[in-house]
């Protein structure tokens, strides 16, 4: 039977505790067998006590999402501003493996940022590389490289006893695209999708389009990463993993074309840099959001326009 969000969270907690009990049982940690068995019994009782949601509850959420998704609203909004659209995507579906890689990078960005910067530089010139790391970072690099390898973002890697990492790159477009910044778009799509599901009862209407080609008057195209409409408030998001200064002028022009202020126009970057935030606001009129705190930032800025959430 389907579970409610609260019940699911409790189940996830019990699974984590159950895994801890198993680890203790398999390890040499001085914990008595009787204590471990008692813990396992308590976990089983806890799981059985978790209330299950009624099937109709889940159906109601799905029905609300289907009913409130006003597909085409943003296309009409753009046409009313005499802005025409070429290619675009109208879904927020995310590859689970790629999301896990992006999420791990975000959670451990402080430990992975130097390795990620070298990976990005080397990927762009299609050259394998070696980098010496630290004892503090090596375990995070090892885990992340495992994930990258499993998803074919890199061809292979080795780490020697001196903490030197030797990386064989995957010379394919998909790998370059992901490493250069698509991982931020994946995070953004997941967080927005989660926000909509969690707040659907308080949302009257929504729509979204991603990887949108805006047709310019001179017949060239300007691509923007994502447009979101919630309760007829429009938000624009751009994702950048590197130097954003070169984009300020284009961002300012596009923001004015869309007629959006800084509370509705955002640049998503990997982590906080105050000087970058001030420059982004001054030169592009946009607000910087940080991937390391993206869920909090979305609730903060969208909530300003969503009094019922």
C-alpha atoms as a PDB file:
ATOM      1  CA  UNK A   1       0.000   0.000   0.000  1.00  0.00           C
ATOM      2  CA  UNK A   2       1.433   3.482  -0.840  1.00  0.00           C
ATOM      3  CA  UNK A   3       2.863   5.528   2.005  1.00  0.00           C
ATOM      4  CA  UNK A   4       2.431   9.176   2.907  1.00  0.00           C
ATOM      5  CA  UNK A   5       5.526  11.455   2.796  1.00  0.00           C
ATOM      6  CA  UNK A   6       5.825  11.249   6.600  1.00  0.00           C
ATOM      7  CA  UNK A   7       5.469   7.476   6.605  1.00  0.00           C
ATOM      8  CA  UNK A   8       8.031   7.167   3.834  1.00  0.00           C
ATOM      9  CA  UNK A   9      10.477   9.295   5.809  1.00  0.00           C
ATOM     10  CA  UNK A  10       9.999   7.068   8.839  1.00  0.00           C
ATOM     11  CA  UNK A  11      10.545   3.987   6.697  1.00  0.00           C
ATOM     12  CA  UNK A  12      13.736   5.485   5.306  1.00  0.00           C
ATOM     13  CA  UNK A  13      14.893   6.176   8.861  1.00  0.00           C
ATOM     14  CA  UNK A  14      14.157   2.613   9.933  1.00  0.00           C
ATOM     15  CA  UNK A  15      16.036   1.268   6.907  1.00  0.00           C
ATOM     16  CA  UNK A  16      19.067   3.353   7.861  1.00  0.00           C
ATOM     17  CA  UNK A  17      18.965   2.093  11.446  1.00  0.00           C
ATOM     18  CA  UNK A  18      18.537  -1.455  10.180  1.00  0.00           C
ATOM     19  CA  UNK A  19      21.644  -1.050   8.017  1.00  0.00           C
ATOM     20  CA  UNK A  20      23.515   0.260  11.073  1.00  0.00           C
ATOM     21  CA  UNK A  21      22.484  -2.805  13.062  1.00  0.00           C
ATOM     22  CA  UNK A  22      23.705  -5.064  10.250  1.00  0.00           C
ATOM     23  CA  UNK A  23      27.023  -3.200  10.066  1.00  0.00           C
ATOM     24  CA  UNK A  24      27.510  -3.557  13.814  1.00  0.00           C
ATOM     25  CA  UNK A  25      26.757  -7.244  13.603  1.00  0.00           C
ATOM     26  CA  UNK A  26      29.335  -7.726  10.844  1.00  0.00           C
ATOM     27  CA  UNK A  27      32.023  -5.520  12.382  1.00  0.00           C
ATOM     28  CA  UNK A  28      34.404  -6.053  15.244  1.00  0.00           C
ATOM     29  CA  UNK A  29      32.824  -3.244  17.226  1.00  0.00           C
ATOM     30  CA  UNK A  30      32.389  -4.391  20.850  1.00  0.00           C
ATOM     31  CA  UNK A  31      28.596  -4.527  20.860  1.00  0.00           C
ATOM     32  CA  UNK A  32      26.950  -7.595  22.336  1.00  0.00           C
ATOM     33  CA  UNK A  33      25.043  -9.987  20.069  1.00  0.00           C
ATOM     34  CA  UNK A  34      22.009  -9.737  22.318  1.00  0.00           C
ATOM     35  CA  UNK A  35      21.999  -5.946  22.019  1.00  0.00           C
ATOM     36  CA  UNK A  36      22.152  -6.148  18.216  1.00  0.00           C
ATOM     37  CA  UNK A  37      19.314  -8.704  18.127  1.00  0.00           C
ATOM     38  CA  UNK A  38      17.233  -6.518  20.453  1.00  0.00           C
ATOM     39  CA  UNK A  39      17.836  -3.574  18.137  1.00  0.00           C
ATOM     40  CA  UNK A  40      16.716  -5.626  15.107  1.00  0.00           C
ATOM     41  CA  UNK A  41      13.487  -6.625  16.915  1.00  0.00           C
ATOM     42  CA  UNK A  42      12.767  -3.008  17.831  1.00  0.00           C
ATOM     43  CA  UNK A  43      13.278  -1.916  14.221  1.00  0.00           C
ATOM     44  CA  UNK A  44      10.804  -4.526  12.957  1.00  0.00           C
ATOM     45  CA  UNK A  45       8.195  -3.410  15.490  1.00  0.00           C
ATOM     46  CA  UNK A  46       8.821   0.223  14.518  1.00  0.00           C
ATOM     47  CA  UNK A  47       8.234  -0.535  10.834  1.00  0.00           C
ATOM     48  CA  UNK A  48       4.978  -2.335  11.549  1.00  0.00           C
ATOM     49  CA  UNK A  49       3.749   0.604  13.612  1.00  0.00           C
ATOM     50  CA  UNK A  50       4.225   3.149  10.793  1.00  0.00           C
ATOM     51  CA  UNK A  51       0.777   4.172   9.469  1.00  0.00           C
ATOM     52  CA  UNK A  52       0.102   3.552   5.792  1.00  0.00           C
ATOM     53  CA  UNK A  53      -1.588   6.195   3.689  1.00  0.00           C
ATOM     54  CA  UNK A  54      -4.837   5.552   1.896  1.00  0.00           C
ATOM     55  CA  UNK A  55      -4.462   4.852  -1.846  1.00  0.00           C
ATOM     56  CA  UNK A  56      -6.745   7.759  -2.657  1.00  0.00           C
ATOM     57  CA  UNK A  57      -4.254  10.186  -1.092  1.00  0.00           C
ATOM     58  CA  UNK A  58      -1.614   9.443  -3.700  1.00  0.00           C
ATOM     59  CA  UNK A  59      -4.171   9.536  -6.496  1.00  0.00           C
ATOM     60  CA  UNK A  60      -5.340  12.936  -5.279  1.00  0.00           C
ATOM     61  CA  UNK A  61      -1.817  14.356  -5.501  1.00  0.00           C
ATOM     62  CA  UNK A  62      -1.330  12.957  -9.011  1.00  0.00           C
ATOM     63  CA  UNK A  63      -4.698  14.303 -10.079  1.00  0.00           C
ATOM     64  CA  UNK A  64      -3.870  17.745  -8.696  1.00  0.00           C
ATOM     65  CA  UNK A  65      -0.541  17.808 -10.533  1.00  0.00           C
ATOM     66  CA  UNK A  66      -2.232  16.824 -13.806  1.00  0.00           C
ATOM     67  CA  UNK A  67      -5.052  19.332 -13.293  1.00  0.00           C
ATOM     68  CA  UNK A  68      -2.856  22.262 -12.272  1.00  0.00           C
ATOM     69  CA  UNK A  69      -0.176  21.820 -14.939  1.00  0.00           C
ATOM     70  CA  UNK A  70      -1.214  24.430 -17.508  1.00  0.00           C
ATOM     71  CA  UNK A  71       0.976  23.163 -20.320  1.00  0.00           C
ATOM     72  CA  UNK A  72       1.501  25.873 -22.922  1.00  0.00           C
ATOM     73  CA  UNK A  73       1.009  28.803 -20.522  1.00  0.00           C
ATOM     74  CA  UNK A  74       4.647  29.886 -20.782  1.00  0.00           C
ATOM     75  CA  UNK A  75       4.673  29.570 -24.572  1.00  0.00           C
ATOM     76  CA  UNK A  76       1.665  31.914 -24.725  1.00  0.00           C
ATOM     77  CA  UNK A  77       3.343  34.264 -22.215  1.00  0.00           C
ATOM     78  CA  UNK A  78       6.408  34.506 -24.445  1.00  0.00           C
ATOM     79  CA  UNK A  79       4.336  35.049 -27.594  1.00  0.00           C
ATOM     80  CA  UNK A  80       2.516  37.922 -25.878  1.00  0.00           C
ATOM     81  CA  UNK A  81       5.922  39.567 -25.499  1.00  0.00           C
ATOM     82  CA  UNK A  82       6.649  38.936 -29.208  1.00  0.00           C
ATOM     83  CA  UNK A  83       9.256  36.333 -28.261  1.00  0.00           C
ATOM     84  CA  UNK A  84       9.231  33.227 -30.411  1.00  0.00           C
ATOM     85  CA  UNK A  85      10.606  29.857 -29.371  1.00  0.00           C
ATOM     86  CA  UNK A  86      12.525  27.223 -31.297  1.00  0.00           C
ATOM     87  CA  UNK A  87      13.541  23.942 -29.681  1.00  0.00           C
ATOM     88  CA  UNK A  88      12.575  23.345 -26.059  1.00  0.00           C
ATOM     89  CA  UNK A  89      11.741  20.623 -23.534  1.00  0.00           C
ATOM     90  CA  UNK A  90       8.482  20.561 -21.581  1.00  0.00           C
ATOM     91  CA  UNK A  91       9.305  17.993 -18.889  1.00  0.00           C
ATOM     92  CA  UNK A  92      11.496  17.769 -15.776  1.00  0.00           C
ATOM     93  CA  UNK A  93      12.424  14.093 -16.037  1.00  0.00           C
ATOM     94  CA  UNK A  94      15.843  13.378 -14.550  1.00  0.00           C
ATOM     95  CA  UNK A  95      18.188  10.407 -14.984  1.00  0.00           C
ATOM     96  CA  UNK A  96      18.520   8.904 -11.496  1.00  0.00           C
ATOM     97  CA  UNK A  97      22.194   7.941 -11.878  1.00  0.00           C
ATOM     98  CA  UNK A  98      23.208  11.358 -13.155  1.00  0.00           C
ATOM     99  CA  UNK A  99      21.236  13.020 -10.372  1.00  0.00           C
ATOM    100  CA  UNK A 100      23.066  10.893  -7.780  1.00  0.00           C
ATOM    101  CA  UNK A 101      26.416  12.040  -9.237  1.00  0.00           C
ATOM    102  CA  UNK A 102      25.361  15.701  -9.231  1.00  0.00           C
ATOM    103  CA  UNK A 103      23.926  15.438  -5.730  1.00  0.00           C
ATOM    104  CA  UNK A 104      27.124  13.844  -4.373  1.00  0.00           C
ATOM    105  CA  UNK A 105      29.243  16.601  -5.943  1.00  0.00           C
ATOM    106  CA  UNK A 106      27.015  19.228  -4.348  1.00  0.00           C
ATOM    107  CA  UNK A 107      27.049  17.596  -0.915  1.00  0.00           C
ATOM    108  CA  UNK A 108      30.863  17.330  -0.929  1.00  0.00           C
ATOM    109  CA  UNK A 109      31.805  20.277  -3.114  1.00  0.00           C
ATOM    110  CA  UNK A 110      34.409  21.623  -0.669  1.00  0.00           C
ATOM    111  CA  UNK A 111      36.335  18.347  -0.879  1.00  0.00           C
ATOM    112  CA  UNK A 112      35.785  17.829  -4.630  1.00  0.00           C
ATOM    113  CA  UNK A 113      36.070  21.338  -6.089  1.00  0.00           C
ATOM    114  CA  UNK A 114      39.802  21.171  -7.001  1.00  0.00           C
ATOM    115  CA  UNK A 115      39.413  17.738  -8.574  1.00  0.00           C
ATOM    116  CA  UNK A 116      36.263  18.859 -10.397  1.00  0.00           C
ATOM    117  CA  UNK A 117      38.032  21.956 -11.752  1.00  0.00           C
ATOM    118  CA  UNK A 118      40.854  19.797 -13.157  1.00  0.00           C
ATOM    119  CA  UNK A 119      38.370  17.288 -14.569  1.00  0.00           C
ATOM    120  CA  UNK A 120      36.510  20.069 -16.345  1.00  0.00           C
ATOM    121  CA  UNK A 121      39.682  21.616 -17.797  1.00  0.00           C
ATOM    122  CA  UNK A 122      40.964  18.259 -19.015  1.00  0.00           C
ATOM    123  CA  UNK A 123      37.607  17.182 -20.439  1.00  0.00           C
ATOM    124  CA  UNK A 124      37.452  20.330 -22.561  1.00  0.00           C
ATOM    125  CA  UNK A 125      40.814  19.552 -24.181  1.00  0.00           C
ATOM    126  CA  UNK A 126      40.133  15.784 -24.259  1.00  0.00           C
ATOM    127  CA  UNK A 127      43.288  14.927 -22.331  1.00  0.00           C
ATOM    128  CA  UNK A 128      43.669  12.329 -19.571  1.00  0.00           C
ATOM    129  CA  UNK A 129      45.194  13.725 -16.392  1.00  0.00           C
ATOM    130  CA  UNK A 130      46.839  13.004 -13.060  1.00  0.00           C
ATOM    131  CA  UNK A 131      46.308  15.022  -9.906  1.00  0.00           C
ATOM    132  CA  UNK A 132      47.682  14.674  -6.391  1.00  0.00           C
ATOM    133  CA  UNK A 133      45.086  15.081  -3.688  1.00  0.00           C
ATOM    134  CA  UNK A 134      44.942  15.022   0.117  1.00  0.00           C
ATOM    135  CA  UNK A 135      44.063  12.399   2.680  1.00  0.00           C
ATOM    136  CA  UNK A 136      40.975  14.470   3.543  1.00  0.00           C
ATOM    137  CA  UNK A 137      39.675  14.525  -0.042  1.00  0.00           C
ATOM    138  CA  UNK A 138      40.779  11.176  -1.457  1.00  0.00           C
ATOM    139  CA  UNK A 139      37.853   9.118  -0.119  1.00  0.00           C
ATOM    140  CA  UNK A 140      35.332  11.543  -1.630  1.00  0.00           C
ATOM    141  CA  UNK A 141      37.193  11.576  -4.961  1.00  0.00           C
ATOM    142  CA  UNK A 142      37.301   7.769  -4.959  1.00  0.00           C
ATOM    143  CA  UNK A 143      33.542   7.494  -4.380  1.00  0.00           C
ATOM    144  CA  UNK A 144      32.711  10.166  -6.961  1.00  0.00           C
ATOM    145  CA  UNK A 145      35.001   8.592  -9.568  1.00  0.00           C
ATOM    146  CA  UNK A 146      33.274   5.267  -8.972  1.00  0.00           C
ATOM    147  CA  UNK A 147      29.939   6.923  -9.746  1.00  0.00           C
ATOM    148  CA  UNK A 148      31.335   8.703 -12.813  1.00  0.00           C
ATOM    149  CA  UNK A 149      32.810   5.457 -14.121  1.00  0.00           C
ATOM    150  CA  UNK A 150      29.591   3.493 -13.628  1.00  0.00           C
ATOM    151  CA  UNK A 151      27.712   6.111 -15.653  1.00  0.00           C
ATOM    152  CA  UNK A 152      30.418   6.227 -18.356  1.00  0.00           C
ATOM    153  CA  UNK A 153      31.256   9.876 -17.643  1.00  0.00           C
ATOM    154  CA  UNK A 154      34.890   8.747 -17.319  1.00  0.00           C
ATOM    155  CA  UNK A 155      36.472   5.612 -18.835  1.00  0.00           C
ATOM    156  CA  UNK A 156      38.450   4.666 -15.730  1.00  0.00           C
ATOM    157  CA  UNK A 157      40.643   5.827 -12.840  1.00  0.00           C
ATOM    158  CA  UNK A 158      43.314   4.678 -10.417  1.00  0.00           C
ATOM    159  CA  UNK A 159      44.461   6.038  -7.054  1.00  0.00           C
ATOM    160  CA  UNK A 160      47.939   5.125  -5.815  1.00  0.00           C
ATOM    161  CA  UNK A 161      49.111   4.983  -2.160  1.00  0.00           C
ATOM    162  CA  UNK A 162      50.471   8.550  -2.422  1.00  0.00           C
ATOM    163  CA  UNK A 163      46.924   9.839  -3.159  1.00  0.00           C
ATOM    164  CA  UNK A 164      47.657  10.533  -6.819  1.00  0.00           C
ATOM    165  CA  UNK A 165      44.564  10.132  -9.005  1.00  0.00           C
ATOM    166  CA  UNK A 166      45.010   8.993 -12.620  1.00  0.00           C
ATOM    167  CA  UNK A 167      41.878   9.590 -14.726  1.00  0.00           C
ATOM    168  CA  UNK A 168      41.039   8.230 -18.186  1.00  0.00           C
ATOM    169  CA  UNK A 169      38.465  10.500 -19.783  1.00  0.00           C
ATOM    170  CA  UNK A 170      35.429   9.478 -21.799  1.00  0.00           C
ATOM    171  CA  UNK A 171      35.771  11.303 -25.093  1.00  0.00           C
ATOM    172  CA  UNK A 172      32.065  11.590 -25.799  1.00  0.00           C
ATOM    173  CA  UNK A 173      29.789  14.597 -26.046  1.00  0.00           C
ATOM    174  CA  UNK A 174      27.534  13.446 -23.189  1.00  0.00           C
ATOM    175  CA  UNK A 175      30.454  13.391 -20.749  1.00  0.00           C
ATOM    176  CA  UNK A 176      31.654  16.868 -21.731  1.00  0.00           C
ATOM    177  CA  UNK A 177      28.126  18.250 -21.554  1.00  0.00           C
ATOM    178  CA  UNK A 178      27.525  16.837 -18.076  1.00  0.00           C
ATOM    179  CA  UNK A 179      30.877  17.932 -16.632  1.00  0.00           C
ATOM    180  CA  UNK A 180      30.656  21.436 -18.107  1.00  0.00           C
ATOM    181  CA  UNK A 181      27.487  22.250 -16.193  1.00  0.00           C
ATOM    182  CA  UNK A 182      24.537  20.068 -17.144  1.00  0.00           C
ATOM    183  CA  UNK A 183      24.799  18.535 -13.673  1.00  0.00           C
ATOM    184  CA  UNK A 184      23.508  21.860 -12.298  1.00  0.00           C
ATOM    185  CA  UNK A 185      20.469  21.721 -14.590  1.00  0.00           C
ATOM    186  CA  UNK A 186      19.758  18.191 -13.328  1.00  0.00           C
ATOM    187  CA  UNK A 187      19.854  19.403  -9.722  1.00  0.00           C
ATOM    188  CA  UNK A 188      17.625  22.353 -10.544  1.00  0.00           C
ATOM    189  CA  UNK A 189      15.037  20.211 -12.340  1.00  0.00           C
ATOM    190  CA  UNK A 190      14.909  17.746  -9.446  1.00  0.00           C
ATOM    191  CA  UNK A 191      14.520  20.474  -6.808  1.00  0.00           C
ATOM    192  CA  UNK A 192      11.775  22.260  -8.738  1.00  0.00           C
ATOM    193  CA  UNK A 193       9.917  18.995  -9.331  1.00  0.00           C
ATOM    194  CA  UNK A 194      10.155  18.193  -5.618  1.00  0.00           C
ATOM    195  CA  UNK A 195       8.949  21.676  -4.662  1.00  0.00           C
ATOM    196  CA  UNK A 196       5.885  21.353  -6.888  1.00  0.00           C
ATOM    197  CA  UNK A 197       4.965  17.915  -5.498  1.00  0.00           C
ATOM    198  CA  UNK A 198       5.422  18.976  -1.879  1.00  0.00           C
ATOM    199  CA  UNK A 199       3.359  22.151  -2.300  1.00  0.00           C
ATOM    200  CA  UNK A 200       0.784  21.070  -4.884  1.00  0.00           C
ATOM    201  CA  UNK A 201      -2.158  21.717  -2.537  1.00  0.00           C
ATOM    202  CA  UNK A 202      -1.143  25.394  -2.344  1.00  0.00           C
ATOM    203  CA  UNK A 203      -0.347  25.818  -6.040  1.00  0.00           C
ATOM    204  CA  UNK A 204      -3.179  27.017  -8.265  1.00  0.00           C
ATOM    205  CA  UNK A 205      -1.287  26.624 -11.550  1.00  0.00           C
ATOM    206  CA  UNK A 206       2.195  25.835 -12.863  1.00  0.00           C
ATOM    207  CA  UNK A 207       4.125  25.309 -16.070  1.00  0.00           C
ATOM    208  CA  UNK A 208       7.766  24.877 -17.082  1.00  0.00           C
ATOM    209  CA  UNK A 209       9.937  24.673 -20.177  1.00  0.00           C
ATOM    210  CA  UNK A 210      13.657  23.900 -20.284  1.00  0.00           C
ATOM    211  CA  UNK A 211      16.581  24.254 -22.718  1.00  0.00           C
ATOM    212  CA  UNK A 212      14.596  26.925 -24.505  1.00  0.00           C
ATOM    213  CA  UNK A 213      15.801  28.507 -27.751  1.00  0.00           C
ATOM    214  CA  UNK A 214      14.566  32.105 -27.950  1.00  0.00           C
ATOM    215  CA  UNK A 215      14.547  33.402 -31.520  1.00  0.00           C
ATOM    216  CA  UNK A 216      16.229  36.819 -31.711  1.00  0.00           C
ATOM    217  CA  UNK A 217      15.148  39.594 -34.118  1.00  0.00           C
ATOM    218  CA  UNK A 218      18.313  38.970 -36.195  1.00  0.00           C
ATOM    219  CA  UNK A 219      17.290  35.280 -36.602  1.00  0.00           C
ATOM    220  CA  UNK A 220      19.944  33.998 -34.190  1.00  0.00           C
ATOM    221  CA  UNK A 221      18.993  32.014 -31.096  1.00  0.00           C
ATOM    222  CA  UNK A 222      19.577  32.622 -27.403  1.00  0.00           C
ATOM    223  CA  UNK A 223      19.263  29.515 -25.218  1.00  0.00           C
ATOM    224  CA  UNK A 224      17.975  29.786 -21.667  1.00  0.00           C
ATOM    225  CA  UNK A 225      18.041  26.888 -19.227  1.00  0.00           C
ATOM    226  CA  UNK A 226      14.632  26.933 -17.555  1.00  0.00           C
ATOM    227  CA  UNK A 227      11.454  28.977 -17.227  1.00  0.00           C
ATOM    228  CA  UNK A 228       9.014  28.218 -14.414  1.00  0.00           C
ATOM    229  CA  UNK A 229       5.511  29.547 -13.799  1.00  0.00           C
ATOM    230  CA  UNK A 230       3.917  29.171 -10.371  1.00  0.00           C
ATOM    231  CA  UNK A 231       0.559  30.823  -9.682  1.00  0.00           C
ATOM    232  CA  UNK A 232       1.155  33.023 -12.745  1.00  0.00           C
ATOM    233  CA  UNK A 233       4.515  34.257 -11.407  1.00  0.00           C
ATOM    234  CA  UNK A 234       7.325  33.596 -13.912  1.00  0.00           C
ATOM    235  CA  UNK A 235      10.882  32.678 -12.874  1.00  0.00           C
ATOM    236  CA  UNK A 236      13.947  32.332 -15.105  1.00  0.00           C
ATOM    237  CA  UNK A 237      16.958  30.151 -14.164  1.00  0.00           C
ATOM    238  CA  UNK A 238      20.429  29.925 -15.711  1.00  0.00           C
ATOM    239  CA  UNK A 239      23.035  27.368 -14.572  1.00  0.00           C
ATOM    240  CA  UNK A 240      26.760  28.145 -14.782  1.00  0.00           C
ATOM    241  CA  UNK A 241      29.587  26.037 -13.335  1.00  0.00           C
ATOM    242  CA  UNK A 242      32.491  28.353 -14.218  1.00  0.00           C
ATOM    243  CA  UNK A 243      33.249  32.023 -14.806  1.00  0.00           C
ATOM    244  CA  UNK A 244      29.949  33.851 -15.238  1.00  0.00           C
ATOM    245  CA  UNK A 245      31.315  37.338 -15.863  1.00  0.00           C
ATOM    246  CA  UNK A 246      31.388  36.858 -19.626  1.00  0.00           C
ATOM    247  CA  UNK A 247      27.615  36.209 -19.596  1.00  0.00           C
ATOM    248  CA  UNK A 248      26.471  39.285 -17.636  1.00  0.00           C
ATOM    249  CA  UNK A 249      25.731  41.422 -20.683  1.00  0.00           C
ATOM    250  CA  UNK A 250      23.740  38.686 -22.439  1.00  0.00           C
ATOM    251  CA  UNK A 251      21.880  37.870 -19.223  1.00  0.00           C
ATOM    252  CA  UNK A 252      20.968  41.540 -18.716  1.00  0.00           C
ATOM    253  CA  UNK A 253      19.632  41.794 -22.267  1.00  0.00           C
ATOM    254  CA  UNK A 254      17.595  38.600 -21.934  1.00  0.00           C
ATOM    255  CA  UNK A 255      16.221  39.616 -18.513  1.00  0.00           C
ATOM    256  CA  UNK A 256      15.015  42.940 -19.915  1.00  0.00           C
ATOM    257  CA  UNK A 257      13.517  41.144 -22.902  1.00  0.00           C
ATOM    258  CA  UNK A 258      11.619  38.827 -20.533  1.00  0.00           C
ATOM    259  CA  UNK A 259      10.693  41.846 -18.343  1.00  0.00           C
ATOM    260  CA  UNK A 260      11.747  40.125 -15.108  1.00  0.00           C
ATOM    261  CA  UNK A 261      13.365  41.655 -12.021  1.00  0.00           C
ATOM    262  CA  UNK A 262      16.058  40.195  -9.761  1.00  0.00           C
ATOM    263  CA  UNK A 263      13.425  38.427  -7.633  1.00  0.00           C
ATOM    264  CA  UNK A 264      12.405  36.404 -10.692  1.00  0.00           C
ATOM    265  CA  UNK A 265      15.728  35.909 -12.515  1.00  0.00           C
ATOM    266  CA  UNK A 266      18.410  33.600 -11.086  1.00  0.00           C
ATOM    267  CA  UNK A 267      21.862  32.248 -11.850  1.00  0.00           C
ATOM    268  CA  UNK A 268      22.620  28.879 -10.233  1.00  0.00           C
ATOM    269  CA  UNK A 269      26.318  28.347  -9.417  1.00  0.00           C
ATOM    270  CA  UNK A 270      28.081  25.568  -7.470  1.00  0.00           C
ATOM    271  CA  UNK A 271      28.860  27.382  -4.209  1.00  0.00           C
ATOM    272  CA  UNK A 272      28.761  30.740  -2.428  1.00  0.00           C
ATOM    273  CA  UNK A 273      31.088  33.561  -3.486  1.00  0.00           C
ATOM    274  CA  UNK A 274      29.976  36.945  -2.158  1.00  0.00           C
ATOM    275  CA  UNK A 275      31.950  39.075  -4.639  1.00  0.00           C
ATOM    276  CA  UNK A 276      30.389  37.053  -7.458  1.00  0.00           C
ATOM    277  CA  UNK A 277      26.903  37.579  -6.023  1.00  0.00           C
ATOM    278  CA  UNK A 278      27.347  41.365  -5.895  1.00  0.00           C
ATOM    279  CA  UNK A 279      28.738  41.496  -9.424  1.00  0.00           C
ATOM    280  CA  UNK A 280      25.940  39.315 -10.810  1.00  0.00           C
ATOM    281  CA  UNK A 281      23.306  41.602  -9.310  1.00  0.00           C
ATOM    282  CA  UNK A 282      25.043  44.796 -10.469  1.00  0.00           C
ATOM    283  CA  UNK A 283      25.844  43.776 -14.044  1.00  0.00           C
ATOM    284  CA  UNK A 284      23.045  41.371 -14.981  1.00  0.00           C
ATOM    285  CA  UNK A 285      20.251  42.353 -12.570  1.00  0.00           C
ATOM    286  CA  UNK A 286      19.946  38.705 -11.500  1.00  0.00           C
ATOM    287  CA  UNK A 287      20.166  36.904  -8.158  1.00  0.00           C
ATOM    288  CA  UNK A 288      22.772  34.227  -7.494  1.00  0.00           C
ATOM    289  CA  UNK A 289      21.615  30.875  -6.067  1.00  0.00           C
ATOM    290  CA  UNK A 290      24.029  28.257  -4.734  1.00  0.00           C
ATOM    291  CA  UNK A 291      23.726  24.570  -5.609  1.00  0.00           C
ATOM    292  CA  UNK A 292      24.977  23.659  -2.127  1.00  0.00           C
ATOM    293  CA  UNK A 293      21.809  25.261  -0.667  1.00  0.00           C
ATOM    294  CA  UNK A 294      19.500  25.154  -3.675  1.00  0.00           C
ATOM    295  CA  UNK A 295      16.446  23.661  -1.935  1.00  0.00           C
ATOM    296  CA  UNK A 296      16.559  26.368   0.740  1.00  0.00           C
ATOM    297  CA  UNK A 297      17.058  29.143  -1.812  1.00  0.00           C
ATOM    298  CA  UNK A 298      14.105  27.988  -3.923  1.00  0.00           C
ATOM    299  CA  UNK A 299      11.802  27.957  -0.897  1.00  0.00           C
ATOM    300  CA  UNK A 300      13.032  31.397   0.107  1.00  0.00           C
ATOM    301  CA  UNK A 301      12.610  33.185  -3.201  1.00  0.00           C
ATOM    302  CA  UNK A 302       9.566  31.372  -4.524  1.00  0.00           C
ATOM    303  CA  UNK A 303       7.853  31.713  -1.128  1.00  0.00           C
ATOM    304  CA  UNK A 304       8.128  35.520  -1.491  1.00  0.00           C
ATOM    305  CA  UNK A 305       5.559  35.214  -4.285  1.00  0.00           C
ATOM    306  CA  UNK A 306       3.666  32.222  -2.867  1.00  0.00           C
ATOM    307  CA  UNK A 307       2.046  33.376   0.432  1.00  0.00           C
ATOM    308  CA  UNK A 308       0.100  30.118   0.873  1.00  0.00           C
ATOM    309  CA  UNK A 309       3.126  27.772   0.834  1.00  0.00           C
END
